[in-house]
Structures are given as structure tokens and as C-alpha cells.
Amino acid sequence: MVDPAPHPAPLASPRAQVLLPLGLVLALALAGQALPLAEVVAQVRALGADLGPVSGVLLLAALYASTELMLVPGSPVSLLAGAMLGPLHGGLAVWLGASTSAALGFLLSRAIGARRLEGFASRHPRMEAALSRLRVGGWRWVVALRLLPAIPYTAQNTLAGLSGIAFGPYMLASVLAMVPGVLLWAWAGHTGAELSLSGSQPIEVWEWAGLLLSGLLVLGLGALVHRRIKTAEARR
């Protein structure tokens, strides 16, 4: 098979995908020593309790989808969701929001058309490389880009729409491959909130365990995908 693009594979390092949210947890812990974050977190938790799990999940899912569609990074919303609703309900909210934005971004890309968008992609080497690989690898490259996103999710959605991949395989690959990262960011938000409140309540062992396991899941799957992609491209 001919190499689909002259540029290197547009994948982030698996370590970077884990270290960034963990670094933010540490930053929140340190900031909590100097700033009155406990009061803010308590108010956020109270708002989540007032909304309830269903309304809270739907509200934060809509917020996440809106930010992605407006080209705003969704990671702050992921942290907020974990802090407000906990790692499970918060993760569900982010997953629903990310899935919604993935579908809408893909469909909008198809509706706008390739002629207007491909010129933009061709001016950015990483996006051009991602588009070329999506056209060759289909859903497999959707999985790789979701697990190891070196380009924003919004751009991934647009490029997938341009690639010719069918909507069904694209969405199935997206909703499954986004789960590890969603869990990690939601756990990071929850743990960071707990650390800011640690003066008034202890952090349970299961909370640390959840953060660790979600980090290991992202690291393990990311390393596996990264190694297979590098091996496959080295053979071309």
C-alpha cells in the first residue's frame, strides 16, 4: 500500500494524554492551598445536587457539545462535569456531549462540502495527514485519533466527514474510543475537587483507585494503538 501522506502520523504521545489531566489535578491541589477553591467547589457541588443526575447530565452534555461546535476546547467542561456530578455521571455527560458534537460535526462537514474545507486542511500538515489516513484506514484511524488526539476533536469530526467514511462505522468507533479519555478527565475533575475539599473531608481510596485505573487504561490502550500504527507505517 502506498504511504497515504508524507507527514508523520498525527498522533499524540500516550504519556501526554495521561500526564496532562494528572498535572491539572496537581495544579488544583496546589492552588487550593492558596486560593479559596473549597468554597467554589462546594457551590458547584451544591448546584449539581440541586439539578439532580438527569438534569445535570443533560445540561453538561449540551454545554460540552456547544463548546466543541464553537471550536472551544472541551477539557474545562470535562473537569467541571467530574467536579459537579462525580466521575460516573460527569463522565456520562461528557460522553453524551462528545458523541453529539461528533455526529453534528461530521454531518455539517458533509453538508458544507469538501471544496470549501479541504483547502483549509491542506494548509495544516497535521490535518492533511489525518485526512489522508482517514481516507485509507477508515474507522481504524478514527479510533487512533480519538485515543491519541494530536488535533482537536472538532477538527477530527470535520476531517472524518471529508474522508468518505460511512457515518455508522465512524460513530461506533468514536463513541467507543472516546470512553477511556472521557473517564480520565471526569475522574481528574472529581479528584481535583476532592483535593480542594480535603481539609473538610478525607479522600477515599476508591477515588484514587478510579483515577489510577482510568489513567492506566488510557496509557495502555494508547500505547498499543501507537505501537501498531508506527509498525504499520514503518512497513510502507
C-alpha atoms as a PDB file:
ATOM      1  CA  MET A   1       0.000   0.000   0.000  1.00  0.00           C
ATOM      2  CA  VAL A   2       1.245   3.473  -0.836  1.00  0.00           C
ATOM      3  CA  ASP A   3       2.025   5.752   2.084  1.00  0.00           C
ATOM      4  CA  PRO A   4      -1.134   7.859   2.440  1.00  0.00           C
ATOM      5  CA  ALA A   5       0.641  11.051   3.477  1.00  0.00           C
ATOM      6  CA  PRO A   6       4.148  12.493   3.534  1.00  0.00           C
ATOM      7  CA  HIS A   7       3.704  13.833   7.042  1.00  0.00           C
ATOM      8  CA  PRO A   8       4.208  11.820  10.239  1.00  0.00           C
ATOM      9  CA  ALA A   9       1.197  10.175  11.835  1.00  0.00           C
ATOM     10  CA  PRO A  10      -0.815  12.890  13.648  1.00  0.00           C
ATOM     11  CA  LEU A  11      -0.938  11.110  16.995  1.00  0.00           C
ATOM     12  CA  ALA A  12      -0.180  12.425  20.465  1.00  0.00           C
ATOM     13  CA  SER A  13       2.032  10.602  22.922  1.00  0.00           C
ATOM     14  CA  PRO A  14       0.139   8.175  25.201  1.00  0.00           C
ATOM     15  CA  ARG A  15       2.025   9.600  28.170  1.00  0.00           C
ATOM     16  CA  ALA A  16       0.920  13.117  27.316  1.00  0.00           C
ATOM     17  CA  GLN A  17      -2.725  12.010  27.318  1.00  0.00           C
ATOM     18  CA  VAL A  18      -2.324  10.879  30.928  1.00  0.00           C
ATOM     19  CA  LEU A  19       0.092  13.477  32.278  1.00  0.00           C
ATOM     20  CA  LEU A  20      -1.995  16.487  31.232  1.00  0.00           C
ATOM     21  CA  PRO A  21      -5.118  15.697  33.308  1.00  0.00           C
ATOM     22  CA  LEU A  22      -3.000  14.408  36.196  1.00  0.00           C
ATOM     23  CA  GLY A  23      -0.967  17.606  36.080  1.00  0.00           C
ATOM     24  CA  LEU A  24      -4.177  19.606  36.299  1.00  0.00           C
ATOM     25  CA  VAL A  25      -5.191  17.603  39.388  1.00  0.00           C
ATOM     26  CA  LEU A  26      -1.879  18.524  40.991  1.00  0.00           C
ATOM     27  CA  ALA A  27      -2.309  22.157  39.967  1.00  0.00           C
ATOM     28  CA  LEU A  28      -5.756  22.245  41.562  1.00  0.00           C
ATOM     29  CA  ALA A  29      -4.350  20.736  44.739  1.00  0.00           C
ATOM     30  CA  LEU A  30      -1.622  23.362  44.934  1.00  0.00           C
ATOM     31  CA  ALA A  31      -3.985  26.195  44.045  1.00  0.00           C
ATOM     32  CA  GLY A  32      -6.344  25.034  46.759  1.00  0.00           C
ATOM     33  CA  GLN A  33      -3.683  25.802  49.331  1.00  0.00           C
ATOM     34  CA  ALA A  34      -3.513  29.460  48.303  1.00  0.00           C
ATOM     35  CA  LEU A  35      -6.964  30.203  46.892  1.00  0.00           C
ATOM     36  CA  PRO A  36     -10.465  29.740  48.342  1.00  0.00           C
ATOM     37  CA  LEU A  37     -11.290  26.929  45.919  1.00  0.00           C
ATOM     38  CA  ALA A  38     -13.145  24.938  48.551  1.00  0.00           C
ATOM     39  CA  GLU A  39     -15.974  27.481  48.569  1.00  0.00           C
ATOM     40  CA  VAL A  40     -16.226  27.427  44.778  1.00  0.00           C
ATOM     41  CA  VAL A  41     -16.209  23.619  44.660  1.00  0.00           C
ATOM     42  CA  ALA A  42     -18.850  23.446  47.395  1.00  0.00           C
ATOM     43  CA  GLN A  43     -21.093  25.754  45.369  1.00  0.00           C
ATOM     44  CA  VAL A  44     -20.518  23.707  42.213  1.00  0.00           C
ATOM     45  CA  ARG A  45     -21.374  20.519  44.095  1.00  0.00           C
ATOM     46  CA  ALA A  46     -24.487  22.146  45.533  1.00  0.00           C
ATOM     47  CA  LEU A  47     -25.588  23.159  42.034  1.00  0.00           C
ATOM     48  CA  GLY A  48     -25.096  19.581  40.848  1.00  0.00           C
ATOM     49  CA  ALA A  49     -27.158  18.284  43.763  1.00  0.00           C
ATOM     50  CA  ASP A  50     -29.945  20.780  43.027  1.00  0.00           C
ATOM     51  CA  LEU A  51     -30.049  19.805  39.360  1.00  0.00           C
ATOM     52  CA  GLY A  52     -30.059  16.090  40.044  1.00  0.00           C
ATOM     53  CA  PRO A  53     -28.304  13.463  37.922  1.00  0.00           C
ATOM     54  CA  VAL A  54     -30.635  13.569  34.912  1.00  0.00           C
ATOM     55  CA  SER A  55     -30.844  17.342  34.511  1.00  0.00           C
ATOM     56  CA  GLY A  56     -27.175  17.728  35.400  1.00  0.00           C
ATOM     57  CA  VAL A  57     -26.074  15.189  32.795  1.00  0.00           C
ATOM     58  CA  LEU A  58     -28.248  16.727  30.083  1.00  0.00           C
ATOM     59  CA  LEU A  59     -27.152  20.284  30.888  1.00  0.00           C
ATOM     60  CA  LEU A  60     -23.448  19.483  30.881  1.00  0.00           C
ATOM     61  CA  ALA A  61     -23.791  17.317  27.766  1.00  0.00           C
ATOM     62  CA  ALA A  62     -25.367  20.269  25.954  1.00  0.00           C
ATOM     63  CA  LEU A  63     -22.649  22.577  27.279  1.00  0.00           C
ATOM     64  CA  TYR A  64     -19.883  20.242  26.109  1.00  0.00           C
ATOM     65  CA  ALA A  65     -21.406  19.785  22.656  1.00  0.00           C
ATOM     66  CA  SER A  66     -21.861  23.549  22.300  1.00  0.00           C
ATOM     67  CA  THR A  67     -18.266  24.335  23.235  1.00  0.00           C
ATOM     68  CA  GLU A  68     -16.919  21.775  20.779  1.00  0.00           C
ATOM     69  CA  LEU A  69     -19.076  23.073  17.948  1.00  0.00           C
ATOM     70  CA  MET A  70     -17.871  26.623  18.715  1.00  0.00           C
ATOM     71  CA  LEU A  71     -14.236  25.400  18.444  1.00  0.00           C
ATOM     72  CA  VAL A  72     -13.650  25.832  22.187  1.00  0.00           C
ATOM     73  CA  PRO A  73     -11.679  23.039  23.939  1.00  0.00           C
ATOM     74  CA  GLY A  74     -13.961  20.752  25.911  1.00  0.00           C
ATOM     75  CA  SER A  75     -11.468  19.786  28.635  1.00  0.00           C
ATOM     76  CA  PRO A  76     -12.611  22.515  31.081  1.00  0.00           C
ATOM     77  CA  VAL A  77     -16.175  21.230  30.758  1.00  0.00           C
ATOM     78  CA  SER A  78     -14.898  17.690  31.388  1.00  0.00           C
ATOM     79  CA  LEU A  79     -13.252  18.828  34.615  1.00  0.00           C
ATOM     80  CA  LEU A  80     -16.368  20.743  35.608  1.00  0.00           C
ATOM     81  CA  ALA A  81     -18.579  17.729  34.947  1.00  0.00           C
ATOM     82  CA  GLY A  82     -16.423  15.488  37.126  1.00  0.00           C
ATOM     83  CA  ALA A  83     -16.320  18.078  39.903  1.00  0.00           C
ATOM     84  CA  MET A  84     -20.059  18.782  39.797  1.00  0.00           C
ATOM     85  CA  LEU A  85     -21.577  15.335  39.197  1.00  0.00           C
ATOM     86  CA  GLY A  86     -18.819  12.907  40.135  1.00  0.00           C
ATOM     87  CA  PRO A  87     -16.780  10.690  37.818  1.00  0.00           C
ATOM     88  CA  LEU A  88     -19.604   8.457  36.580  1.00  0.00           C
ATOM     89  CA  HIS A  89     -22.429  10.929  35.957  1.00  0.00           C
ATOM     90  CA  GLY A  90     -19.890  13.548  34.905  1.00  0.00           C
ATOM     91  CA  GLY A  91     -18.254  11.110  32.525  1.00  0.00           C
ATOM     92  CA  LEU A  92     -21.652  10.185  31.086  1.00  0.00           C
ATOM     93  CA  ALA A  93     -22.414  13.868  30.484  1.00  0.00           C
ATOM     94  CA  VAL A  94     -19.130  14.425  28.660  1.00  0.00           C
ATOM     95  CA  TRP A  95     -19.532  11.220  26.642  1.00  0.00           C
ATOM     96  CA  LEU A  96     -23.020  12.236  25.518  1.00  0.00           C
ATOM     97  CA  GLY A  97     -21.822  15.744  24.662  1.00  0.00           C
ATOM     98  CA  ALA A  98     -18.789  14.483  22.770  1.00  0.00           C
ATOM     99  CA  SER A  99     -20.907  11.944  20.875  1.00  0.00           C
ATOM    100  CA  THR A 100     -23.414  14.641  19.933  1.00  0.00           C
ATOM    101  CA  SER A 101     -20.716  17.017  18.699  1.00  0.00           C
ATOM    102  CA  ALA A 102     -19.066  14.145  16.805  1.00  0.00           C
ATOM    103  CA  ALA A 103     -22.298  13.436  14.938  1.00  0.00           C
ATOM    104  CA  LEU A 104     -23.151  17.081  14.253  1.00  0.00           C
ATOM    105  CA  GLY A 105     -19.611  17.997  13.210  1.00  0.00           C
ATOM    106  CA  PHE A 106     -19.472  15.067  10.791  1.00  0.00           C
ATOM    107  CA  LEU A 107     -22.860  15.877   9.258  1.00  0.00           C
ATOM    108  CA  LEU A 108     -22.094  19.594   8.975  1.00  0.00           C
ATOM    109  CA  SER A 109     -18.843  18.779   7.220  1.00  0.00           C
ATOM    110  CA  ARG A 110     -20.715  16.633   4.714  1.00  0.00           C
ATOM    111  CA  ALA A 111     -23.330  19.349   4.216  1.00  0.00           C
ATOM    112  CA  ILE A 112     -20.817  22.165   3.669  1.00  0.00           C
ATOM    113  CA  GLY A 113     -18.856  20.103   1.186  1.00  0.00           C
ATOM    114  CA  ALA A 114     -15.288  19.130   0.526  1.00  0.00           C
ATOM    115  CA  ARG A 115     -14.347  22.009  -1.766  1.00  0.00           C
ATOM    116  CA  ARG A 116     -14.637  24.631   0.969  1.00  0.00           C
ATOM    117  CA  LEU A 117     -12.950  22.629   3.730  1.00  0.00           C
ATOM    118  CA  GLU A 118     -10.201  20.646   2.028  1.00  0.00           C
ATOM    119  CA  GLY A 119      -8.273  23.818   1.206  1.00  0.00           C
ATOM    120  CA  PHE A 120      -8.134  24.638   4.894  1.00  0.00           C
ATOM    121  CA  ALA A 121      -6.921  21.138   5.773  1.00  0.00           C
ATOM    122  CA  SER A 122      -4.218  21.251   3.099  1.00  0.00           C
ATOM    123  CA  ARG A 123      -2.659  24.312   4.768  1.00  0.00           C
ATOM    124  CA  HIS A 124      -2.168  22.446   8.068  1.00  0.00           C
ATOM    125  CA  PRO A 125       0.205  19.448   7.868  1.00  0.00           C
ATOM    126  CA  ARG A 126      -1.304  17.523  10.786  1.00  0.00           C
ATOM    127  CA  MET A 127      -4.827  17.875   9.443  1.00  0.00           C
ATOM    128  CA  GLU A 128      -3.751  16.945   5.940  1.00  0.00           C
ATOM    129  CA  ALA A 129      -2.001  13.850   7.325  1.00  0.00           C
ATOM    130  CA  ALA A 130      -5.067  12.902   9.371  1.00  0.00           C
ATOM    131  CA  LEU A 131      -7.387  13.315   6.382  1.00  0.00           C
ATOM    132  CA  SER A 132      -5.160  11.169   4.177  1.00  0.00           C
ATOM    133  CA  ARG A 133      -5.029   8.402   6.755  1.00  0.00           C
ATOM    134  CA  LEU A 134      -8.761   8.523   7.440  1.00  0.00           C
ATOM    135  CA  ARG A 135      -9.370   8.008   3.726  1.00  0.00           C
ATOM    136  CA  VAL A 136      -7.158   4.916   3.750  1.00  0.00           C
ATOM    137  CA  GLY A 137      -7.759   3.464   7.217  1.00  0.00           C
ATOM    138  CA  GLY A 138     -11.375   4.437   7.822  1.00  0.00           C
ATOM    139  CA  TRP A 139     -12.744   3.631  11.265  1.00  0.00           C
ATOM    140  CA  ARG A 140      -9.379   2.298  12.472  1.00  0.00           C
ATOM    141  CA  TRP A 141      -7.918   5.762  12.188  1.00  0.00           C
ATOM    142  CA  VAL A 142     -10.971   7.221  13.890  1.00  0.00           C
ATOM    143  CA  VAL A 143     -10.126   5.018  16.879  1.00  0.00           C
ATOM    144  CA  ALA A 144      -6.470   6.070  16.784  1.00  0.00           C
ATOM    145  CA  LEU A 145      -7.280   9.782  16.629  1.00  0.00           C
ATOM    146  CA  ARG A 146      -9.829   9.563  19.450  1.00  0.00           C
ATOM    147  CA  LEU A 147      -7.425   7.741  21.745  1.00  0.00           C
ATOM    148  CA  LEU A 148      -4.390   9.870  20.885  1.00  0.00           C
ATOM    149  CA  PRO A 149      -5.756  13.250  19.757  1.00  0.00           C
ATOM    150  CA  ALA A 150      -2.998  15.434  18.374  1.00  0.00           C
ATOM    151  CA  ILE A 151      -5.631  17.629  16.731  1.00  0.00           C
ATOM    152  CA  PRO A 152      -8.844  18.927  18.343  1.00  0.00           C
ATOM    153  CA  TYR A 153     -11.953  16.766  18.380  1.00  0.00           C
ATOM    154  CA  THR A 154     -13.836  19.348  16.323  1.00  0.00           C
ATOM    155  CA  ALA A 155     -11.236  19.110  13.562  1.00  0.00           C
ATOM    156  CA  GLN A 156     -11.375  15.312  13.748  1.00  0.00           C
ATOM    157  CA  ASN A 157     -15.143  15.392  13.227  1.00  0.00           C
ATOM    158  CA  THR A 158     -14.787  17.679  10.218  1.00  0.00           C
ATOM    159  CA  LEU A 159     -11.989  15.635   8.645  1.00  0.00           C
ATOM    160  CA  ALA A 160     -13.914  12.404   9.103  1.00  0.00           C
ATOM    161  CA  GLY A 161     -16.816  13.975   7.247  1.00  0.00           C
ATOM    162  CA  LEU A 162     -14.478  14.809   4.366  1.00  0.00           C
ATOM    163  CA  SER A 163     -12.820  11.394   4.305  1.00  0.00           C
ATOM    164  CA  GLY A 164     -15.673   9.397   2.802  1.00  0.00           C
ATOM    165  CA  ILE A 165     -16.051   7.054   5.769  1.00  0.00           C
ATOM    166  CA  ALA A 166     -19.631   5.926   6.391  1.00  0.00           C
ATOM    167  CA  PHE A 167     -21.494   7.566   9.272  1.00  0.00           C
ATOM    168  CA  GLY A 168     -22.268   4.303  11.110  1.00  0.00           C
ATOM    169  CA  PRO A 169     -18.707   2.964  11.444  1.00  0.00           C
ATOM    170  CA  TYR A 170     -17.459   6.472  12.231  1.00  0.00           C
ATOM    171  CA  MET A 171     -19.917   6.940  15.095  1.00  0.00           C
ATOM    172  CA  LEU A 172     -19.394   3.450  16.518  1.00  0.00           C
ATOM    173  CA  ALA A 173     -15.614   3.903  16.509  1.00  0.00           C
ATOM    174  CA  SER A 174     -15.970   7.365  18.031  1.00  0.00           C
ATOM    175  CA  VAL A 175     -18.340   6.560  20.883  1.00  0.00           C
ATOM    176  CA  LEU A 176     -16.265   3.550  21.950  1.00  0.00           C
ATOM    177  CA  ALA A 177     -12.800   5.066  21.557  1.00  0.00           C
ATOM    178  CA  MET A 178     -13.731   8.238  23.456  1.00  0.00           C
ATOM    179  CA  VAL A 179     -14.675   6.348  26.639  1.00  0.00           C
ATOM    180  CA  PRO A 180     -11.169   5.991  28.182  1.00  0.00           C
ATOM    181  CA  GLY A 181     -10.293   9.663  27.775  1.00  0.00           C
ATOM    182  CA  VAL A 182     -13.711  10.782  28.975  1.00  0.00           C
ATOM    183  CA  LEU A 183     -13.364   8.704  32.139  1.00  0.00           C
ATOM    184  CA  LEU A 184      -9.882  10.014  32.835  1.00  0.00           C
ATOM    185  CA  TRP A 185     -10.881  13.671  32.529  1.00  0.00           C
ATOM    186  CA  ALA A 186     -14.013  13.181  34.619  1.00  0.00           C
ATOM    187  CA  TRP A 187     -12.013  11.402  37.319  1.00  0.00           C
ATOM    188  CA  ALA A 188      -9.436  14.204  37.190  1.00  0.00           C
ATOM    189  CA  GLY A 189     -12.155  16.792  37.770  1.00  0.00           C
ATOM    190  CA  HIS A 190     -13.643  14.784  40.608  1.00  0.00           C
ATOM    191  CA  THR A 191     -10.284  14.157  42.288  1.00  0.00           C
ATOM    192  CA  GLY A 192      -9.218  17.782  41.910  1.00  0.00           C
ATOM    193  CA  ALA A 193     -12.470  18.859  43.568  1.00  0.00           C
ATOM    194  CA  GLU A 194     -11.945  16.366  46.382  1.00  0.00           C
ATOM    195  CA  LEU A 195      -8.418  17.639  46.957  1.00  0.00           C
ATOM    196  CA  SER A 196      -9.697  21.184  47.303  1.00  0.00           C
ATOM    197  CA  LEU A 197     -12.131  19.922  49.949  1.00  0.00           C
ATOM    198  CA  SER A 198      -9.643  17.625  51.666  1.00  0.00           C
ATOM    199  CA  GLY A 199      -9.498  19.876  54.702  1.00  0.00           C
ATOM    200  CA  SER A 200     -13.122  19.090  55.485  1.00  0.00           C
ATOM    201  CA  GLN A 201     -13.470  15.505  54.251  1.00  0.00           C
ATOM    202  CA  PRO A 202     -10.981  12.692  53.528  1.00  0.00           C
ATOM    203  CA  ILE A 203     -10.342  11.360  50.035  1.00  0.00           C
ATOM    204  CA  GLU A 204     -11.424   7.740  49.796  1.00  0.00           C
ATOM    205  CA  VAL A 205      -9.160   5.001  48.467  1.00  0.00           C
ATOM    206  CA  TRP A 206     -11.639   4.155  45.686  1.00  0.00           C
ATOM    207  CA  GLU A 207     -11.376   7.712  44.386  1.00  0.00           C
ATOM    208  CA  TRP A 208      -7.612   7.445  43.972  1.00  0.00           C
ATOM    209  CA  ALA A 209      -8.060   3.958  42.522  1.00  0.00           C
ATOM    210  CA  GLY A 210     -10.523   5.214  39.919  1.00  0.00           C
ATOM    211  CA  LEU A 211      -8.149   7.947  38.796  1.00  0.00           C
ATOM    212  CA  LEU A 212      -5.242   5.499  38.623  1.00  0.00           C
ATOM    213  CA  LEU A 213      -7.177   2.832  36.718  1.00  0.00           C
ATOM    214  CA  SER A 214      -8.577   5.295  34.197  1.00  0.00           C
ATOM    215  CA  GLY A 215      -5.077   6.655  33.650  1.00  0.00           C
ATOM    216  CA  LEU A 216      -3.685   3.158  33.121  1.00  0.00           C
ATOM    217  CA  LEU A 217      -6.492   2.377  30.681  1.00  0.00           C
ATOM    218  CA  VAL A 218      -5.675   5.428  28.560  1.00  0.00           C
ATOM    219  CA  LEU A 219      -1.952   4.712  28.763  1.00  0.00           C
ATOM    220  CA  GLY A 220      -2.284   1.013  27.912  1.00  0.00           C
ATOM    221  CA  LEU A 221      -4.704   1.378  25.000  1.00  0.00           C
ATOM    222  CA  GLY A 222      -2.887   4.448  23.709  1.00  0.00           C
ATOM    223  CA  ALA A 223       0.481   2.681  23.783  1.00  0.00           C
ATOM    224  CA  LEU A 224      -0.974  -0.333  21.971  1.00  0.00           C
ATOM    225  CA  VAL A 225      -2.510   1.771  19.212  1.00  0.00           C
ATOM    226  CA  HIS A 226       0.577   3.975  18.922  1.00  0.00           C
ATOM    227  CA  ARG A 227       2.876   0.958  18.555  1.00  0.00           C
ATOM    228  CA  ARG A 228       0.688  -0.713  15.935  1.00  0.00           C
ATOM    229  CA  ILE A 229       0.375   2.472  13.896  1.00  0.00           C
ATOM    230  CA  LYS A 230       4.119   3.082  13.959  1.00  0.00           C
ATOM    231  CA  THR A 231       4.832  -0.524  12.979  1.00  0.00           C
ATOM    232  CA  ALA A 232       2.322  -0.455  10.109  1.00  0.00           C
ATOM    233  CA  GLU A 233       3.662   2.819   8.717  1.00  0.00           C
ATOM    234  CA  ALA A 234       7.279   1.677   9.006  1.00  0.00           C
ATOM    235  CA  ARG A 235       6.451  -1.236   6.702  1.00  0.00           C
ATOM    236  CA  ARG A 236       5.185   1.018   3.911  1.00  0.00           C
END
